[in-house]
Amino acid sequence: MRIRGQIGDWPVDLTIELEPAEWAQLGRQIEEPVVAEAGAPAVAGVARQDDGQWAAARDVLRQAGQMNGPELLDRLEGLAGSTAAGKRLLVRLRHSSEVKVESGVDAPVYHWVG
């Protein structure tokens, strides 16, 4: 396998050589975690937690009516427990049909439209 391109200003030319048995082993390692996760009860628990956070994120904006992006992100980070999870909720709100996003002077303003 050959990978060519750029990372920033740096050119990249990478060659990866594997024997057929190594490719097969790599394929098995990729498939096994997916199969294990598919039937795991923990997956349902994660989905329920995400649904609860999503409902809570919608409630935060619905009750406020409108919030600027940084303020909303701060509230969502506290709600979700991490910056990454807060950002995921913010992106989900941005793309929700219940939310209108306008460009503010310094930051986007999120409006609840229901």
N, C-alpha and C. Protein backbone atom coordinates (compact mmCIF):
# COMPACT_ATOMS: atom_id res chain seq x y z
N MET A 1 0.86 -1.15 0.00
CA MET A 1 0.00 0.00 0.00
C MET A 1 0.91 1.22 0.00
N ARG A 2 0.58 2.20 -0.83
CA ARG A 2 1.37 3.42 -0.90
C ARG A 2 0.46 4.61 -0.62
N ILE A 3 0.90 5.47 0.26
CA ILE A 3 0.15 6.66 0.62
C ILE A 3 0.99 7.88 0.26
N ARG A 4 0.44 8.73 -0.58
CA ARG A 4 1.13 9.95 -0.97
C ARG A 4 0.23 11.14 -0.74
N GLY A 5 0.83 12.24 -0.34
CA GLY A 5 0.06 13.46 -0.12
C GLY A 5 0.89 14.47 0.63
N GLN A 6 0.21 15.30 1.41
CA GLN A 6 0.90 16.32 2.19
C GLN A 6 0.23 16.47 3.53
N ILE A 7 1.04 16.78 4.51
CA ILE A 7 0.57 17.18 5.83
C ILE A 7 1.11 18.59 6.02
N GLY A 8 0.21 19.55 5.86
CA GLY A 8 0.67 20.94 5.88
C GLY A 8 1.58 21.18 4.69
N ASP A 9 2.78 21.67 4.95
CA ASP A 9 3.76 21.92 3.89
C ASP A 9 4.66 20.72 3.63
N TRP A 10 4.52 19.67 4.43
CA TRP A 10 5.43 18.52 4.32
C TRP A 10 4.88 17.48 3.36
N PRO A 11 5.69 17.07 2.40
CA PRO A 11 5.25 15.99 1.51
C PRO A 11 5.33 14.65 2.24
N VAL A 12 4.38 13.76 1.92
CA VAL A 12 4.33 12.44 2.53
C VAL A 12 4.35 11.40 1.42
N ASP A 13 5.26 10.43 1.54
CA ASP A 13 5.31 9.30 0.62
C ASP A 13 5.63 8.08 1.47
N LEU A 14 4.59 7.33 1.80
CA LEU A 14 4.71 6.23 2.74
C LEU A 14 4.32 4.93 2.05
N THR A 15 5.16 3.92 2.20
CA THR A 15 4.87 2.61 1.65
C THR A 15 4.75 1.62 2.81
N ILE A 16 3.64 0.87 2.80
CA ILE A 16 3.41 -0.15 3.82
C ILE A 16 3.37 -1.49 3.11
N GLU A 17 4.24 -2.39 3.54
CA GLU A 17 4.28 -3.72 2.93
C GLU A 17 3.95 -4.76 3.99
N LEU A 18 2.93 -5.56 3.71
CA LEU A 18 2.54 -6.64 4.60
C LEU A 18 2.39 -7.92 3.79
N GLU A 19 2.73 -9.02 4.42
CA GLU A 19 2.52 -10.33 3.81
C GLU A 19 1.03 -10.65 3.86
N PRO A 20 0.54 -11.55 3.00
CA PRO A 20 -0.88 -11.90 3.02
C PRO A 20 -1.38 -12.33 4.40
N ALA A 21 -0.58 -13.07 5.13
CA ALA A 21 -0.99 -13.51 6.47
C ALA A 21 -1.13 -12.32 7.42
N GLU A 22 -0.27 -11.31 7.26
CA GLU A 22 -0.33 -10.12 8.10
C GLU A 22 -1.60 -9.30 7.78
N TRP A 23 -1.96 -9.20 6.49
CA TRP A 23 -3.20 -8.51 6.11
C TRP A 23 -4.40 -9.23 6.72
N ALA A 24 -4.38 -10.56 6.67
CA ALA A 24 -5.49 -11.35 7.23
C ALA A 24 -5.59 -11.12 8.74
N GLN A 25 -4.45 -11.10 9.41
CA GLN A 25 -4.45 -10.87 10.86
C GLN A 25 -4.98 -9.47 11.17
N LEU A 26 -4.57 -8.49 10.40
CA LEU A 26 -5.05 -7.12 10.60
C LEU A 26 -6.56 -7.06 10.40
N GLY A 27 -7.06 -7.73 9.39
CA GLY A 27 -8.50 -7.77 9.14
C GLY A 27 -9.26 -8.39 10.29
N ARG A 28 -8.73 -9.47 10.86
CA ARG A 28 -9.39 -10.12 11.99
C ARG A 28 -9.43 -9.20 13.20
N GLN A 29 -8.36 -8.46 13.43
CA GLN A 29 -8.30 -7.57 14.59
C GLN A 29 -9.30 -6.42 14.44
N ILE A 30 -9.54 -5.99 13.24
CA ILE A 30 -10.51 -4.92 13.02
C ILE A 30 -11.92 -5.44 13.18
N GLU A 31 -12.22 -6.64 12.68
CA GLU A 31 -13.56 -7.20 12.74
C GLU A 31 -13.97 -7.62 14.13
N GLU A 32 -13.07 -8.17 14.93
CA GLU A 32 -13.42 -8.70 16.25
C GLU A 32 -14.02 -7.66 17.18
N PRO A 33 -13.42 -6.45 17.35
CA PRO A 33 -14.05 -5.48 18.25
C PRO A 33 -15.43 -5.04 17.78
N VAL A 34 -15.64 -4.93 16.48
CA VAL A 34 -16.94 -4.53 15.97
C VAL A 34 -17.98 -5.58 16.31
N VAL A 35 -17.64 -6.86 16.13
CA VAL A 35 -18.56 -7.94 16.45
C VAL A 35 -18.83 -7.96 17.94
N ALA A 36 -17.81 -7.77 18.76
CA ALA A 36 -17.99 -7.80 20.21
C ALA A 36 -18.88 -6.65 20.67
N GLU A 37 -18.71 -5.46 20.07
CA GLU A 37 -19.49 -4.31 20.48
C GLU A 37 -20.95 -4.42 20.07
N ALA A 38 -21.21 -5.07 18.95
CA ALA A 38 -22.57 -5.12 18.42
C ALA A 38 -23.55 -5.78 19.39
N GLY A 39 -23.11 -6.80 20.10
CA GLY A 39 -24.02 -7.49 20.99
C GLY A 39 -23.88 -7.10 22.45
N ALA A 40 -23.00 -6.18 22.74
CA ALA A 40 -22.74 -5.82 24.14
C ALA A 40 -23.87 -5.00 24.72
N PRO A 41 -24.32 -5.32 25.94
CA PRO A 41 -25.38 -4.54 26.55
C PRO A 41 -24.96 -3.10 26.84
N ALA A 42 -23.67 -2.84 26.97
CA ALA A 42 -23.21 -1.49 27.28
C ALA A 42 -23.55 -0.52 26.17
N VAL A 43 -23.66 -0.99 24.94
CA VAL A 43 -24.00 -0.11 23.82
C VAL A 43 -25.36 0.52 24.04
N ALA A 44 -26.32 -0.24 24.52
CA ALA A 44 -27.65 0.29 24.78
C ALA A 44 -27.58 1.35 25.88
N GLY A 45 -26.74 1.14 26.89
CA GLY A 45 -26.59 2.11 27.97
C GLY A 45 -26.01 3.42 27.47
N VAL A 46 -25.06 3.35 26.57
CA VAL A 46 -24.47 4.56 26.00
C VAL A 46 -25.51 5.31 25.19
N ALA A 47 -26.31 4.60 24.42
CA ALA A 47 -27.35 5.24 23.62
C ALA A 47 -28.35 5.95 24.52
N ARG A 48 -28.75 5.34 25.61
CA ARG A 48 -29.69 5.97 26.53
C ARG A 48 -29.09 7.22 27.16
N GLN A 49 -27.80 7.16 27.52
CA GLN A 49 -27.13 8.31 28.11
C GLN A 49 -27.08 9.45 27.10
N ASP A 50 -26.74 9.15 25.85
CA ASP A 50 -26.70 10.17 24.81
C ASP A 50 -28.07 10.79 24.60
N ASP A 51 -29.13 9.96 24.62
CA ASP A 51 -30.49 10.47 24.46
C ASP A 51 -30.85 11.41 25.60
N GLY A 52 -30.44 11.06 26.81
CA GLY A 52 -30.71 11.91 27.97
C GLY A 52 -29.97 13.23 27.88
N GLN A 53 -28.72 13.18 27.45
CA GLN A 53 -27.94 14.41 27.29
C GLN A 53 -28.53 15.27 26.18
N TRP A 54 -28.97 14.65 25.10
CA TRP A 54 -29.57 15.39 23.99
C TRP A 54 -30.84 16.11 24.46
N ALA A 55 -31.68 15.40 25.21
CA ALA A 55 -32.91 16.01 25.73
C ALA A 55 -32.57 17.18 26.67
N ALA A 56 -31.57 16.98 27.51
CA ALA A 56 -31.16 18.04 28.44
C ALA A 56 -30.58 19.24 27.70
N ALA A 57 -29.80 18.99 26.65
CA ALA A 57 -29.21 20.07 25.85
C ALA A 57 -30.32 20.88 25.18
N ARG A 58 -31.32 20.20 24.65
CA ARG A 58 -32.45 20.90 24.03
C ARG A 58 -33.19 21.73 25.07
N ASP A 59 -33.35 21.19 26.27
CA ASP A 59 -34.04 21.92 27.34
C ASP A 59 -33.29 23.18 27.75
N VAL A 60 -31.96 23.10 27.78
CA VAL A 60 -31.15 24.27 28.14
C VAL A 60 -31.45 25.41 27.18
N LEU A 61 -31.42 25.14 25.89
CA LEU A 61 -31.66 26.19 24.91
C LEU A 61 -33.13 26.59 24.88
N ARG A 62 -34.03 25.63 25.01
CA ARG A 62 -35.46 25.93 24.99
C ARG A 62 -35.83 26.88 26.14
N GLN A 63 -35.31 26.61 27.33
CA GLN A 63 -35.62 27.45 28.49
C GLN A 63 -35.01 28.84 28.37
N ALA A 64 -33.83 28.92 27.76
CA ALA A 64 -33.18 30.22 27.60
C ALA A 64 -33.80 31.01 26.46
N GLY A 65 -34.31 30.32 25.45
CA GLY A 65 -34.85 31.00 24.29
C GLY A 65 -33.78 31.27 23.25
N GLN A 66 -32.68 31.86 23.69
CA GLN A 66 -31.52 32.08 22.82
C GLN A 66 -30.27 32.22 23.67
N MET A 67 -29.15 31.80 23.11
CA MET A 67 -27.86 31.89 23.81
C MET A 67 -26.77 32.06 22.77
N ASN A 68 -25.70 32.77 23.15
CA ASN A 68 -24.56 32.85 22.23
C ASN A 68 -23.76 31.55 22.33
N GLY A 69 -23.02 31.25 21.28
CA GLY A 69 -22.29 29.99 21.18
C GLY A 69 -21.39 29.65 22.36
N PRO A 70 -20.49 30.58 22.77
CA PRO A 70 -19.60 30.25 23.90
C PRO A 70 -20.34 29.97 25.20
N GLU A 71 -21.39 30.74 25.47
CA GLU A 71 -22.17 30.51 26.68
C GLU A 71 -22.88 29.16 26.63
N LEU A 72 -23.46 28.85 25.47
CA LEU A 72 -24.15 27.57 25.29
C LEU A 72 -23.16 26.42 25.40
N LEU A 73 -21.99 26.55 24.78
CA LEU A 73 -20.99 25.49 24.87
C LEU A 73 -20.57 25.27 26.31
N ASP A 74 -20.39 26.34 27.06
CA ASP A 74 -20.01 26.22 28.47
C ASP A 74 -21.06 25.42 29.25
N ARG A 75 -22.33 25.72 29.01
CA ARG A 75 -23.41 24.99 29.68
C ARG A 75 -23.44 23.52 29.26
N LEU A 76 -23.23 23.27 27.96
CA LEU A 76 -23.26 21.89 27.45
C LEU A 76 -22.08 21.07 27.96
N GLU A 77 -20.91 21.72 28.09
CA GLU A 77 -19.75 21.01 28.64
C GLU A 77 -20.03 20.58 30.07
N GLY A 78 -20.64 21.44 30.86
CA GLY A 78 -21.00 21.09 32.23
C GLY A 78 -22.03 19.97 32.27
N LEU A 79 -22.96 20.03 31.36
CA LEU A 79 -24.01 19.02 31.27
C LEU A 79 -23.45 17.66 30.87
N ALA A 80 -22.57 17.66 29.85
CA ALA A 80 -22.06 16.41 29.29
C ALA A 80 -20.84 15.88 30.04
N GLY A 81 -20.15 16.72 30.77
CA GLY A 81 -19.00 16.27 31.55
C GLY A 81 -17.66 16.38 30.86
N SER A 82 -17.63 16.84 29.61
CA SER A 82 -16.35 17.03 28.92
C SER A 82 -16.52 18.02 27.78
N THR A 83 -15.41 18.61 27.37
CA THR A 83 -15.43 19.55 26.26
C THR A 83 -15.86 18.87 24.98
N ALA A 84 -15.31 17.69 24.70
CA ALA A 84 -15.63 16.97 23.46
C ALA A 84 -17.11 16.63 23.39
N ALA A 85 -17.67 16.13 24.48
CA ALA A 85 -19.09 15.78 24.49
C ALA A 85 -19.96 17.03 24.36
N GLY A 86 -19.54 18.12 24.98
CA GLY A 86 -20.27 19.38 24.85
C GLY A 86 -20.26 19.88 23.42
N LYS A 87 -19.13 19.76 22.75
CA LYS A 87 -19.04 20.19 21.35
C LYS A 87 -19.93 19.33 20.46
N ARG A 88 -19.99 18.02 20.73
CA ARG A 88 -20.87 17.15 19.95
C ARG A 88 -22.33 17.58 20.08
N LEU A 89 -22.73 17.92 21.31
CA LEU A 89 -24.10 18.38 21.52
C LEU A 89 -24.34 19.71 20.82
N LEU A 90 -23.35 20.60 20.84
CA LEU A 90 -23.49 21.89 20.18
C LEU A 90 -23.66 21.72 18.67
N VAL A 91 -22.89 20.83 18.07
CA VAL A 91 -23.02 20.56 16.64
C VAL A 91 -24.39 19.95 16.35
N ARG A 92 -24.83 19.08 17.21
CA ARG A 92 -26.14 18.46 17.01
C ARG A 92 -27.25 19.51 17.08
N LEU A 93 -27.11 20.46 18.02
CA LEU A 93 -28.09 21.55 18.11
C LEU A 93 -28.04 22.41 16.85
N ARG A 94 -26.85 22.70 16.39
CA ARG A 94 -26.68 23.54 15.20
C ARG A 94 -27.44 22.97 14.01
N HIS A 95 -27.47 21.67 13.89
CA HIS A 95 -28.10 21.01 12.75
C HIS A 95 -29.55 20.58 13.02
N SER A 96 -30.06 20.90 14.19
CA SER A 96 -31.42 20.51 14.54
C SER A 96 -32.43 21.45 13.87
N SER A 97 -33.55 20.90 13.45
CA SER A 97 -34.61 21.72 12.86
C SER A 97 -35.30 22.59 13.91
N GLU A 98 -35.06 22.30 15.19
CA GLU A 98 -35.66 23.07 16.28
C GLU A 98 -34.83 24.30 16.66
N VAL A 99 -33.68 24.46 16.00
CA VAL A 99 -32.75 25.53 16.36
C VAL A 99 -32.40 26.34 15.13
N LYS A 100 -32.38 27.66 15.31
CA LYS A 100 -31.94 28.57 14.26
C LYS A 100 -30.65 29.22 14.74
N VAL A 101 -29.63 29.22 13.89
CA VAL A 101 -28.35 29.81 14.26
C VAL A 101 -28.12 31.05 13.40
N GLU A 102 -27.84 32.17 14.06
CA GLU A 102 -27.55 33.42 13.37
C GLU A 102 -26.12 33.84 13.69
N SER A 103 -25.52 34.54 12.76
CA SER A 103 -24.19 35.09 13.00
C SER A 103 -24.31 36.31 13.89
N GLY A 104 -23.65 36.24 15.03
CA GLY A 104 -23.61 37.38 15.94
C GLY A 104 -22.37 38.21 15.68
N VAL A 105 -22.20 39.29 16.40
CA VAL A 105 -21.03 40.14 16.23
C VAL A 105 -19.75 39.38 16.55
N ASP A 106 -19.73 38.72 17.69
CA ASP A 106 -18.53 38.00 18.12
C ASP A 106 -18.67 36.48 18.03
N ALA A 107 -19.90 35.97 18.05
CA ALA A 107 -20.12 34.53 18.07
C ALA A 107 -21.51 34.23 17.53
N PRO A 108 -21.74 32.99 17.09
CA PRO A 108 -23.07 32.63 16.63
C PRO A 108 -24.08 32.68 17.78
N VAL A 109 -25.32 32.99 17.43
CA VAL A 109 -26.39 33.03 18.43
C VAL A 109 -27.38 31.92 18.08
N TYR A 110 -27.65 31.06 19.06
CA TYR A 110 -28.55 29.94 18.88
C TYR A 110 -29.92 30.32 19.40
N HIS A 111 -30.97 30.17 18.57
CA HIS A 111 -32.34 30.48 18.92
C HIS A 111 -33.17 29.21 18.92
N TRP A 112 -33.99 29.03 19.95
CA TRP A 112 -34.90 27.89 19.99
C TRP A 112 -36.14 28.27 19.18
N VAL A 113 -36.48 27.47 18.17
CA VAL A 113 -37.67 27.73 17.37
C VAL A 113 -38.70 26.62 17.54
N GLY A 114 -38.33 25.59 18.27
CA GLY A 114 -39.26 24.50 18.56
C GLY A 114 -39.51 23.68 17.43
